[in-house]
N, C-alpha and C. Protein backbone atom coordinates (compact mmCIF):
# COMPACT_ATOMS: atom_id res chain seq x y z
N MET A 1 166.03 51.75 317.60
CA MET A 1 165.14 52.62 316.89
C MET A 1 164.79 51.96 315.56
N LYS A 2 163.55 51.99 315.24
CA LYS A 2 163.07 51.35 314.03
C LYS A 2 162.47 52.40 313.11
N TRP A 3 162.92 52.43 311.85
CA TRP A 3 162.41 53.38 310.85
C TRP A 3 161.06 52.88 310.35
N PRO A 4 160.21 53.82 310.04
CA PRO A 4 158.93 53.37 309.45
C PRO A 4 159.21 52.71 308.10
N ARG A 5 158.39 51.79 307.75
CA ARG A 5 158.57 51.00 306.55
C ARG A 5 158.51 51.85 305.27
N ALA A 6 157.85 52.97 305.27
CA ALA A 6 157.69 53.81 304.08
C ALA A 6 159.00 54.52 303.71
N ILE A 7 159.87 54.78 304.69
CA ILE A 7 161.12 55.50 304.41
C ILE A 7 162.27 54.57 304.76
N GLY A 8 163.15 54.34 303.77
CA GLY A 8 164.31 53.48 303.98
C GLY A 8 165.59 54.28 303.92
N ILE A 9 166.69 53.61 304.13
CA ILE A 9 167.99 54.27 304.12
C ILE A 9 168.33 54.79 302.72
N VAL A 10 167.91 54.08 301.68
CA VAL A 10 168.14 54.52 300.30
C VAL A 10 167.35 55.80 300.03
N ASP A 11 166.13 55.86 300.53
CA ASP A 11 165.31 57.07 300.35
C ASP A 11 165.96 58.28 301.01
N LEU A 12 166.56 58.10 302.19
CA LEU A 12 167.24 59.21 302.86
C LEU A 12 168.47 59.65 302.07
N GLY A 13 169.19 58.72 301.49
CA GLY A 13 170.36 59.06 300.66
C GLY A 13 169.96 59.87 299.43
N ILE A 14 168.89 59.47 298.78
CA ILE A 14 168.40 60.20 297.60
C ILE A 14 167.93 61.58 298.00
N LEU A 15 167.23 61.69 299.12
CA LEU A 15 166.74 62.97 299.60
C LEU A 15 167.90 63.91 299.93
N THR A 16 168.99 63.37 300.47
CA THR A 16 170.15 64.18 300.79
C THR A 16 170.81 64.72 299.52
N VAL A 17 170.96 63.87 298.51
CA VAL A 17 171.57 64.30 297.24
C VAL A 17 170.73 65.38 296.58
N VAL A 18 169.41 65.22 296.58
CA VAL A 18 168.52 66.22 295.98
C VAL A 18 168.61 67.53 296.75
N ALA A 19 168.66 67.49 298.06
CA ALA A 19 168.75 68.72 298.86
C ALA A 19 170.07 69.44 298.59
N VAL A 20 171.17 68.70 298.50
CA VAL A 20 172.45 69.32 298.21
C VAL A 20 172.43 69.97 296.83
N ALA A 21 171.86 69.30 295.83
CA ALA A 21 171.79 69.84 294.48
C ALA A 21 170.94 71.10 294.42
N LEU A 22 169.88 71.14 295.22
CA LEU A 22 168.99 72.30 295.18
C LEU A 22 169.55 73.52 295.91
N PHE A 23 170.27 73.29 297.00
CA PHE A 23 170.65 74.41 297.84
C PHE A 23 172.08 74.90 297.65
N LEU A 24 172.90 74.21 296.88
CA LEU A 24 174.23 74.71 296.60
C LEU A 24 174.16 75.74 295.47
N PRO A 25 175.02 76.74 295.50
CA PRO A 25 174.99 77.72 294.40
C PRO A 25 175.49 77.07 293.12
N PRO A 26 175.04 77.62 291.95
CA PRO A 26 175.50 77.04 290.68
C PRO A 26 177.01 77.25 290.53
N ARG A 27 177.63 76.30 289.89
CA ARG A 27 179.08 76.40 289.74
C ARG A 27 179.39 77.27 288.53
N GLU A 28 180.54 77.91 288.60
CA GLU A 28 180.96 78.77 287.50
C GLU A 28 181.38 77.91 286.31
N MET A 29 181.06 78.41 285.11
CA MET A 29 181.44 77.70 283.90
C MET A 29 182.31 78.63 283.06
N TYR A 30 183.34 78.06 282.51
CA TYR A 30 184.25 78.81 281.67
C TYR A 30 184.18 78.22 280.27
N ALA A 31 184.21 79.08 279.28
CA ALA A 31 184.16 78.62 277.89
C ALA A 31 185.28 79.28 277.10
N SER A 32 185.79 78.54 276.17
CA SER A 32 186.77 79.09 275.25
C SER A 32 186.50 78.51 273.87
N SER A 33 187.05 79.12 272.88
CA SER A 33 186.82 78.70 271.52
C SER A 33 187.43 77.32 271.27
N VAL A 34 186.66 76.45 270.69
CA VAL A 34 187.18 75.12 270.35
C VAL A 34 188.13 75.23 269.18
N ILE A 35 187.80 76.11 268.26
CA ILE A 35 188.61 76.26 267.05
C ILE A 35 189.65 77.34 267.29
N GLN A 36 190.87 76.92 267.42
CA GLN A 36 191.97 77.87 267.51
C GLN A 36 192.59 77.93 266.12
N VAL A 37 192.26 78.95 265.37
CA VAL A 37 192.70 79.07 263.99
C VAL A 37 194.22 79.21 263.98
N SER A 38 194.86 78.34 263.22
CA SER A 38 196.31 78.35 263.17
C SER A 38 196.79 79.67 262.56
N GLY A 39 197.51 80.41 263.35
CA GLY A 39 198.02 81.69 262.87
C GLY A 39 196.91 82.72 262.68
N GLY A 40 195.70 82.36 263.08
CA GLY A 40 194.56 83.24 262.87
C GLY A 40 194.36 84.20 264.02
N SER A 41 193.58 85.17 263.77
CA SER A 41 193.31 86.18 264.77
C SER A 41 191.87 86.07 265.24
N GLU A 42 191.51 86.96 266.12
CA GLU A 42 190.14 86.97 266.61
C GLU A 42 189.13 87.19 265.49
N PRO A 43 189.39 88.07 264.53
CA PRO A 43 188.42 88.22 263.44
C PRO A 43 188.20 86.92 262.64
N ASP A 44 189.26 86.12 262.48
CA ASP A 44 189.10 84.84 261.78
C ASP A 44 188.22 83.90 262.58
N GLN A 45 188.46 83.84 263.88
CA GLN A 45 187.63 83.00 264.74
C GLN A 45 186.19 83.49 264.75
N PHE A 46 186.02 84.81 264.79
CA PHE A 46 184.67 85.37 264.77
C PHE A 46 183.96 85.05 263.45
N ALA A 47 184.70 85.09 262.35
CA ALA A 47 184.11 84.80 261.04
C ALA A 47 183.63 83.35 260.98
N ILE A 48 184.40 82.43 261.54
CA ILE A 48 183.98 81.03 261.57
C ILE A 48 182.76 80.88 262.47
N ALA A 49 182.78 81.54 263.62
CA ALA A 49 181.63 81.46 264.54
C ALA A 49 180.38 82.05 263.91
N LEU A 50 180.53 83.15 263.20
CA LEU A 50 179.38 83.77 262.53
C LEU A 50 178.83 82.87 261.43
N ALA A 51 179.73 82.26 260.67
CA ALA A 51 179.28 81.33 259.61
C ALA A 51 178.56 80.14 260.22
N GLU A 52 179.07 79.65 261.35
CA GLU A 52 178.39 78.53 262.01
C GLU A 52 177.02 78.94 262.54
N ALA A 53 176.94 80.15 263.08
CA ALA A 53 175.64 80.65 263.58
C ALA A 53 174.64 80.77 262.44
N ARG A 54 175.11 81.18 261.27
CA ARG A 54 174.21 81.28 260.12
C ARG A 54 173.70 79.91 259.69
N THR A 55 174.54 78.88 259.78
CA THR A 55 174.06 77.54 259.42
C THR A 55 173.09 77.01 260.46
N ILE A 56 173.24 77.43 261.71
CA ILE A 56 172.30 77.02 262.75
C ILE A 56 170.97 77.74 262.55
N ALA A 57 171.03 79.02 262.20
CA ALA A 57 169.80 79.79 261.99
C ALA A 57 169.04 79.32 260.76
N LYS A 58 169.76 78.99 259.70
CA LYS A 58 169.13 78.50 258.46
C LYS A 58 169.82 77.21 258.06
N PRO A 59 169.41 76.09 258.64
CA PRO A 59 170.12 74.83 258.37
C PRO A 59 169.98 74.31 256.95
N ASP A 60 168.98 74.81 256.21
CA ASP A 60 168.79 74.32 254.84
C ASP A 60 169.32 75.30 253.79
N ASP A 61 170.10 76.28 254.20
CA ASP A 61 170.65 77.26 253.27
C ASP A 61 172.01 76.79 252.77
N GLY A 62 172.10 76.45 251.50
CA GLY A 62 173.34 75.98 250.91
C GLY A 62 174.44 77.03 250.91
N ASN A 63 174.06 78.30 250.81
CA ASN A 63 175.06 79.37 250.82
C ASN A 63 175.77 79.43 252.16
N ALA A 64 175.01 79.34 253.26
CA ALA A 64 175.61 79.39 254.59
C ALA A 64 176.50 78.18 254.84
N VAL A 65 176.05 77.02 254.38
CA VAL A 65 176.84 75.80 254.55
C VAL A 65 178.15 75.91 253.77
N ALA A 66 178.08 76.39 252.54
CA ALA A 66 179.29 76.53 251.72
C ALA A 66 180.26 77.52 252.35
N ASP A 67 179.75 78.61 252.91
CA ASP A 67 180.61 79.60 253.55
C ASP A 67 181.32 79.00 254.76
N LEU A 68 180.59 78.27 255.59
CA LEU A 68 181.21 77.66 256.76
C LEU A 68 182.24 76.61 256.35
N ALA A 69 181.92 75.78 255.38
CA ALA A 69 182.86 74.75 254.92
C ALA A 69 184.12 75.39 254.34
N ARG A 70 183.96 76.47 253.58
CA ARG A 70 185.12 77.16 253.01
C ARG A 70 186.01 77.73 254.11
N ARG A 71 185.39 78.35 255.09
CA ARG A 71 186.17 78.95 256.18
C ARG A 71 186.89 77.89 257.02
N LEU A 72 186.22 76.77 257.26
CA LEU A 72 186.87 75.69 258.00
C LEU A 72 188.04 75.10 257.21
N GLY A 73 187.85 74.96 255.90
CA GLY A 73 188.94 74.46 255.06
C GLY A 73 190.13 75.39 255.05
N GLU A 74 189.86 76.69 254.97
CA GLU A 74 190.95 77.67 254.98
C GLU A 74 191.69 77.67 256.32
N ALA A 75 190.98 77.35 257.39
CA ALA A 75 191.61 77.32 258.72
C ALA A 75 192.37 76.02 258.95
N GLY A 76 192.29 75.09 258.01
CA GLY A 76 193.02 73.84 258.14
C GLY A 76 192.22 72.68 258.70
N PHE A 77 190.93 72.89 258.92
CA PHE A 77 190.07 71.83 259.46
C PHE A 77 189.33 71.15 258.31
N LYS A 78 190.07 70.40 257.52
CA LYS A 78 189.53 69.81 256.30
C LYS A 78 188.46 68.75 256.58
N ASP A 79 188.66 67.95 257.61
CA ASP A 79 187.67 66.93 257.94
C ASP A 79 186.35 67.56 258.39
N TRP A 80 186.45 68.62 259.18
CA TRP A 80 185.23 69.30 259.60
C TRP A 80 184.55 69.97 258.42
N ALA A 81 185.33 70.50 257.50
CA ALA A 81 184.75 71.14 256.31
C ALA A 81 183.95 70.12 255.51
N ILE A 82 184.49 68.92 255.36
CA ILE A 82 183.78 67.86 254.63
C ILE A 82 182.50 67.49 255.37
N GLU A 83 182.62 67.28 256.66
CA GLU A 83 181.45 66.88 257.45
C GLU A 83 180.35 67.94 257.42
N VAL A 84 180.73 69.19 257.58
CA VAL A 84 179.75 70.29 257.55
C VAL A 84 179.06 70.36 256.20
N ALA A 85 179.83 70.25 255.13
CA ALA A 85 179.26 70.36 253.79
C ALA A 85 178.32 69.19 253.48
N ILE A 86 178.71 67.98 253.84
CA ILE A 86 177.86 66.82 253.57
C ILE A 86 176.58 66.87 254.40
N ASP A 87 176.71 67.19 255.69
CA ASP A 87 175.51 67.29 256.53
C ASP A 87 174.59 68.42 256.05
N GLY A 88 175.19 69.53 255.66
CA GLY A 88 174.40 70.65 255.16
C GLY A 88 173.69 70.32 253.86
N ALA A 89 174.35 69.56 253.00
CA ALA A 89 173.71 69.15 251.73
C ALA A 89 172.53 68.22 252.00
N GLU A 90 172.64 67.38 253.01
CA GLU A 90 171.52 66.50 253.37
C GLU A 90 170.35 67.30 253.91
N ARG A 91 170.65 68.31 254.73
CA ARG A 91 169.56 69.14 255.29
C ARG A 91 168.92 70.02 254.22
N ALA A 92 169.66 70.33 253.17
CA ALA A 92 169.18 71.25 252.13
C ALA A 92 168.60 70.53 250.93
N LYS A 93 168.10 69.31 251.11
CA LYS A 93 167.60 68.54 249.97
C LYS A 93 166.50 69.26 249.21
N GLN A 94 165.68 70.00 249.88
CA GLN A 94 164.56 70.70 249.23
C GLN A 94 164.91 72.13 248.85
N SER A 95 166.11 72.56 249.15
CA SER A 95 166.50 73.95 248.90
C SER A 95 167.07 74.10 247.49
N PRO A 96 166.78 75.22 246.83
CA PRO A 96 167.37 75.45 245.51
C PRO A 96 168.87 75.77 245.58
N THR A 97 169.39 76.03 246.77
CA THR A 97 170.82 76.33 246.91
C THR A 97 171.61 75.10 247.37
N ARG A 98 171.03 73.93 247.26
CA ARG A 98 171.70 72.70 247.70
C ARG A 98 173.01 72.49 246.94
N TRP A 99 173.03 72.90 245.69
CA TRP A 99 174.22 72.69 244.87
C TRP A 99 175.44 73.37 245.47
N ARG A 100 175.26 74.47 246.17
CA ARG A 100 176.41 75.15 246.79
C ARG A 100 177.03 74.30 247.89
N ALA A 101 176.20 73.64 248.68
CA ALA A 101 176.72 72.76 249.72
C ALA A 101 177.43 71.55 249.10
N LEU A 102 176.88 71.04 247.99
CA LEU A 102 177.50 69.89 247.34
C LEU A 102 178.85 70.24 246.72
N ILE A 103 178.94 71.40 246.10
CA ILE A 103 180.23 71.79 245.51
C ILE A 103 181.23 72.11 246.62
N ALA A 104 180.74 72.60 247.76
CA ALA A 104 181.63 72.84 248.90
C ALA A 104 182.19 71.52 249.43
N ALA A 105 181.36 70.47 249.43
CA ALA A 105 181.84 69.15 249.84
C ALA A 105 182.90 68.64 248.86
N SER A 106 182.68 68.87 247.58
CA SER A 106 183.64 68.46 246.57
C SER A 106 184.98 69.17 246.76
N VAL A 107 184.93 70.46 246.95
CA VAL A 107 186.15 71.25 247.14
C VAL A 107 186.87 70.81 248.42
N ALA A 108 186.11 70.53 249.47
CA ALA A 108 186.73 70.09 250.72
C ALA A 108 187.43 68.74 250.55
N TYR A 109 186.79 67.83 249.80
CA TYR A 109 187.44 66.54 249.53
C TYR A 109 188.71 66.73 248.70
N VAL A 110 188.65 67.58 247.70
CA VAL A 110 189.82 67.81 246.85
C VAL A 110 190.93 68.48 247.65
N ASP A 111 190.58 69.39 248.56
CA ASP A 111 191.60 70.00 249.42
C ASP A 111 192.32 68.96 250.27
N ARG A 112 191.61 67.90 250.61
CA ARG A 112 192.21 66.82 251.39
C ARG A 112 192.86 65.77 250.47
N LEU A 113 192.83 66.02 249.17
CA LEU A 113 193.39 65.16 248.13
C LEU A 113 192.65 63.84 247.99
N ASP A 114 191.38 63.81 248.33
CA ASP A 114 190.50 62.66 248.05
C ASP A 114 189.69 63.02 246.82
N VAL A 115 190.25 62.76 245.64
CA VAL A 115 189.65 63.26 244.41
C VAL A 115 188.46 62.45 243.93
N VAL A 116 188.40 61.16 244.24
CA VAL A 116 187.27 60.35 243.76
C VAL A 116 185.96 60.78 244.43
N PRO A 117 185.89 60.90 245.77
CA PRO A 117 184.66 61.44 246.34
C PRO A 117 184.43 62.90 245.95
N GLY A 118 185.51 63.64 245.71
CA GLY A 118 185.36 65.02 245.25
C GLY A 118 184.67 65.08 243.90
N LEU A 119 185.03 64.17 243.01
CA LEU A 119 184.37 64.10 241.70
C LEU A 119 182.91 63.69 241.84
N ASP A 120 182.63 62.77 242.74
CA ASP A 120 181.25 62.35 242.98
C ASP A 120 180.39 63.53 243.43
N TYR A 121 180.89 64.32 244.36
CA TYR A 121 180.11 65.47 244.83
C TYR A 121 180.04 66.58 243.78
N ALA A 122 181.03 66.68 242.92
CA ALA A 122 180.95 67.64 241.81
C ALA A 122 179.84 67.23 240.85
N ASN A 123 179.72 65.92 240.58
CA ASN A 123 178.61 65.43 239.74
C ASN A 123 177.26 65.75 240.38
N ARG A 124 177.17 65.51 241.67
CA ARG A 124 175.90 65.80 242.38
C ARG A 124 175.58 67.29 242.35
N ALA A 125 176.62 68.13 242.49
CA ALA A 125 176.39 69.57 242.47
C ALA A 125 175.89 70.02 241.10
N LEU A 126 176.46 69.48 240.04
CA LEU A 126 175.99 69.84 238.69
C LEU A 126 174.54 69.41 238.48
N ALA A 127 174.19 68.21 238.96
CA ALA A 127 172.81 67.74 238.83
C ALA A 127 171.86 68.63 239.63
N ALA A 128 172.25 69.03 240.84
CA ALA A 128 171.40 69.89 241.65
C ALA A 128 171.27 71.28 241.03
N CYS A 129 172.34 71.76 240.40
CA CYS A 129 172.31 73.06 239.73
C CYS A 129 171.34 73.02 238.55
N GLU A 130 171.44 71.96 237.75
CA GLU A 130 170.53 71.82 236.61
C GLU A 130 169.08 71.71 237.06
N LEU A 131 168.84 71.00 238.16
CA LEU A 131 167.49 70.87 238.69
C LEU A 131 166.96 72.23 239.15
N ALA A 132 167.80 73.01 239.82
CA ALA A 132 167.38 74.33 240.27
C ALA A 132 167.06 75.24 239.09
N ARG A 133 167.85 75.13 238.01
CA ARG A 133 167.59 75.96 236.83
C ARG A 133 166.30 75.52 236.14
N GLU A 134 166.05 74.20 236.08
CA GLU A 134 164.82 73.70 235.45
C GLU A 134 163.59 74.15 236.22
N GLN A 135 163.70 74.22 237.53
CA GLN A 135 162.57 74.63 238.35
C GLN A 135 162.39 76.14 238.36
N GLY A 136 163.32 76.85 237.76
CA GLY A 136 163.17 78.30 237.61
C GLY A 136 163.46 79.09 238.86
N HIS A 137 164.27 78.55 239.76
CA HIS A 137 164.58 79.27 241.00
C HIS A 137 165.58 80.39 240.76
N GLY A 138 166.43 80.25 239.78
CA GLY A 138 167.43 81.28 239.52
C GLY A 138 168.56 81.27 240.53
N SER A 139 168.66 80.22 241.34
CA SER A 139 169.70 80.18 242.37
C SER A 139 171.03 79.67 241.82
N CYS A 140 171.01 79.13 240.61
CA CYS A 140 172.25 78.66 239.99
C CYS A 140 172.43 79.40 238.67
N PRO A 141 173.10 80.55 238.72
CA PRO A 141 173.28 81.32 237.49
C PRO A 141 174.19 80.60 236.51
N SER A 142 174.08 80.96 235.26
CA SER A 142 174.82 80.26 234.21
C SER A 142 176.33 80.36 234.41
N TRP A 143 176.83 81.49 234.89
CA TRP A 143 178.27 81.61 235.08
C TRP A 143 178.78 80.67 236.17
N GLU A 144 177.95 80.42 237.19
CA GLU A 144 178.33 79.47 238.24
C GLU A 144 178.34 78.05 237.68
N GLU A 145 177.36 77.76 236.82
CA GLU A 145 177.30 76.43 236.22
C GLU A 145 178.51 76.20 235.30
N ILE A 146 178.90 77.21 234.54
CA ILE A 146 180.08 77.08 233.67
C ILE A 146 181.34 76.86 234.51
N ARG A 147 181.45 77.60 235.59
CA ARG A 147 182.60 77.44 236.48
C ARG A 147 182.65 76.03 237.06
N MET A 148 181.48 75.50 237.45
CA MET A 148 181.43 74.13 237.98
C MET A 148 181.76 73.11 236.92
N ARG A 149 181.31 73.34 235.69
CA ARG A 149 181.61 72.40 234.61
C ARG A 149 183.12 72.36 234.31
N LEU A 150 183.78 73.51 234.32
CA LEU A 150 185.23 73.54 234.12
C LEU A 150 185.94 72.81 235.25
N TYR A 151 185.50 73.05 236.47
CA TYR A 151 186.07 72.36 237.63
C TYR A 151 185.86 70.85 237.50
N HIS A 152 184.66 70.46 237.08
CA HIS A 152 184.33 69.05 236.92
C HIS A 152 185.19 68.40 235.83
N GLN A 153 185.34 69.08 234.70
CA GLN A 153 186.15 68.54 233.60
C GLN A 153 187.60 68.35 234.03
N HIS A 154 188.13 69.33 234.73
CA HIS A 154 189.51 69.25 235.21
C HIS A 154 189.66 68.08 236.18
N LEU A 155 188.75 67.95 237.12
CA LEU A 155 188.81 66.88 238.11
C LEU A 155 188.58 65.52 237.47
N ASP A 156 187.65 65.45 236.54
CA ASP A 156 187.34 64.18 235.86
C ASP A 156 188.55 63.69 235.06
N ALA A 157 189.20 64.59 234.35
CA ALA A 157 190.38 64.19 233.57
C ALA A 157 191.51 63.73 234.49
N GLY A 158 191.67 64.39 235.61
CA GLY A 158 192.71 63.98 236.55
C GLY A 158 192.43 62.61 237.14
N VAL A 159 191.17 62.34 237.47
CA VAL A 159 190.81 61.04 238.03
C VAL A 159 190.95 59.95 236.97
N LYS A 160 190.53 60.24 235.73
CA LYS A 160 190.63 59.24 234.66
C LYS A 160 192.08 58.91 234.32
N SER A 161 192.99 59.82 234.58
CA SER A 161 194.39 59.56 234.28
C SER A 161 194.97 58.49 235.20
N GLY A 162 194.35 58.29 236.35
CA GLY A 162 194.84 57.29 237.28
C GLY A 162 196.00 57.75 238.14
N ILE A 163 196.35 59.00 238.05
CA ILE A 163 197.46 59.54 238.83
C ILE A 163 196.96 59.88 240.23
N ASP A 164 197.71 59.44 241.23
CA ASP A 164 197.36 59.74 242.62
C ASP A 164 197.89 61.13 242.95
N PRO A 165 196.99 62.08 243.31
CA PRO A 165 197.47 63.44 243.58
C PRO A 165 198.33 63.53 244.83
N ARG A 166 198.29 62.53 245.69
CA ARG A 166 199.15 62.55 246.87
C ARG A 166 200.59 62.23 246.50
N LEU A 167 200.74 61.37 245.48
CA LEU A 167 202.08 60.97 245.07
C LEU A 167 202.66 61.89 244.01
N ASP A 168 201.82 62.35 243.09
CA ASP A 168 202.28 63.19 241.99
C ASP A 168 201.29 64.33 241.74
N PRO A 169 201.29 65.35 242.60
CA PRO A 169 200.31 66.43 242.43
C PRO A 169 200.47 67.20 241.11
N LYS A 170 201.72 67.39 240.68
CA LYS A 170 201.94 68.12 239.43
C LYS A 170 201.45 67.31 238.24
N GLY A 171 201.65 66.01 238.27
CA GLY A 171 201.16 65.15 237.19
C GLY A 171 199.65 65.13 237.13
N PHE A 172 199.02 65.10 238.30
CA PHE A 172 197.55 65.14 238.35
C PHE A 172 197.04 66.46 237.78
N ARG A 173 197.70 67.55 238.14
CA ARG A 173 197.29 68.87 237.63
C ARG A 173 197.47 68.95 236.11
N ARG A 174 198.60 68.43 235.61
CA ARG A 174 198.81 68.44 234.15
C ARG A 174 197.76 67.60 233.43
N ALA A 175 197.41 66.46 234.00
CA ALA A 175 196.39 65.61 233.38
C ALA A 175 195.04 66.32 233.36
N GLY A 176 194.72 67.04 234.42
CA GLY A 176 193.47 67.78 234.47
C GLY A 176 193.45 68.94 233.50
N GLU A 177 194.57 69.64 233.41
CA GLU A 177 194.65 70.77 232.50
C GLU A 177 194.64 70.34 231.05
N GLY A 178 195.07 69.11 230.78
CA GLY A 178 195.08 68.60 229.41
C GLY A 178 193.68 68.46 228.82
N ALA A 179 192.67 68.35 229.68
CA ALA A 179 191.30 68.20 229.20
C ALA A 179 190.66 69.54 228.87
N LEU A 180 191.28 70.62 229.28
CA LEU A 180 190.70 71.95 229.06
C LEU A 180 191.37 72.62 227.87
N ARG A 181 190.61 73.34 227.13
CA ARG A 181 191.15 74.09 226.00
C ARG A 181 191.70 75.41 226.52
N HIS A 182 192.94 75.66 226.17
CA HIS A 182 193.60 76.88 226.63
C HIS A 182 193.56 77.92 225.53
N ILE A 183 193.28 79.12 225.92
CA ILE A 183 193.29 80.26 225.00
C ILE A 183 194.25 81.28 225.58
N ARG A 184 195.24 81.63 224.79
CA ARG A 184 196.21 82.61 225.25
C ARG A 184 196.04 83.88 224.43
N LEU A 185 195.87 84.94 225.10
CA LEU A 185 195.76 86.24 224.44
C LEU A 185 197.08 86.97 224.59
N LYS A 186 197.61 87.41 223.47
CA LYS A 186 198.85 88.16 223.49
C LYS A 186 198.55 89.61 223.15
N PRO A 187 199.26 90.49 223.79
CA PRO A 187 199.03 91.90 223.46
C PRO A 187 199.53 92.19 222.04
N ASP A 188 198.88 93.12 221.42
CA ASP A 188 199.24 93.51 220.07
C ASP A 188 200.56 94.29 220.13
N THR A 189 201.62 93.71 219.58
CA THR A 189 202.94 94.34 219.63
C THR A 189 203.23 95.24 218.43
N ALA A 190 202.33 95.17 217.47
CA ALA A 190 202.52 96.00 216.27
C ALA A 190 202.35 97.48 216.64
N ALA A 191 203.16 98.29 216.05
CA ALA A 191 203.07 99.72 216.34
C ALA A 191 201.80 100.29 215.75
N PRO A 192 201.11 101.13 216.47
CA PRO A 192 199.89 101.73 215.92
C PRO A 192 200.23 102.67 214.78
N PRO A 193 199.36 102.73 213.76
CA PRO A 193 199.63 103.64 212.62
C PRO A 193 199.60 105.09 213.08
N LYS A 194 200.46 105.89 212.45
CA LYS A 194 200.55 107.30 212.81
C LYS A 194 199.91 108.18 211.82
């Protein structure tokens, strides 16, 4: 028996595979959460999933990126927190809330005890905050800027001290606190006049 030249054995094999793929029922798929929050409950997992959904819905929103990075960091996924914050800051280049993603990247780096890149992202966050204020967006209120400046001063002093926070975390903290002016308020112990 001779096959016509137009149809070969390879063509029959391909036709068989296509027919099997078309006529077999779809296979069942099972899904489970990739992030198993250590010691966390379903609400914690749902909160992370909701924060991730918000970043997918609004990829250029610095607030959503910062929320997701914070939640990932709290769950112990420090590398993912850094990655999410940096990627979100890149997507939010034109957004007035970009500074939130940048400061989230800084905090995530510091949580992992990588203080030099943390300081770099703190500098970027301050610059983005100042730019947002100059453009009149109002997305970086003065109290947030003051909080970032204090964080930056503390981190800058710790980095300038040359102390490795992995080897001497208390020394790094003392060096950072040395750059800040402390004000202690004591209660008035004098008896009130009668």
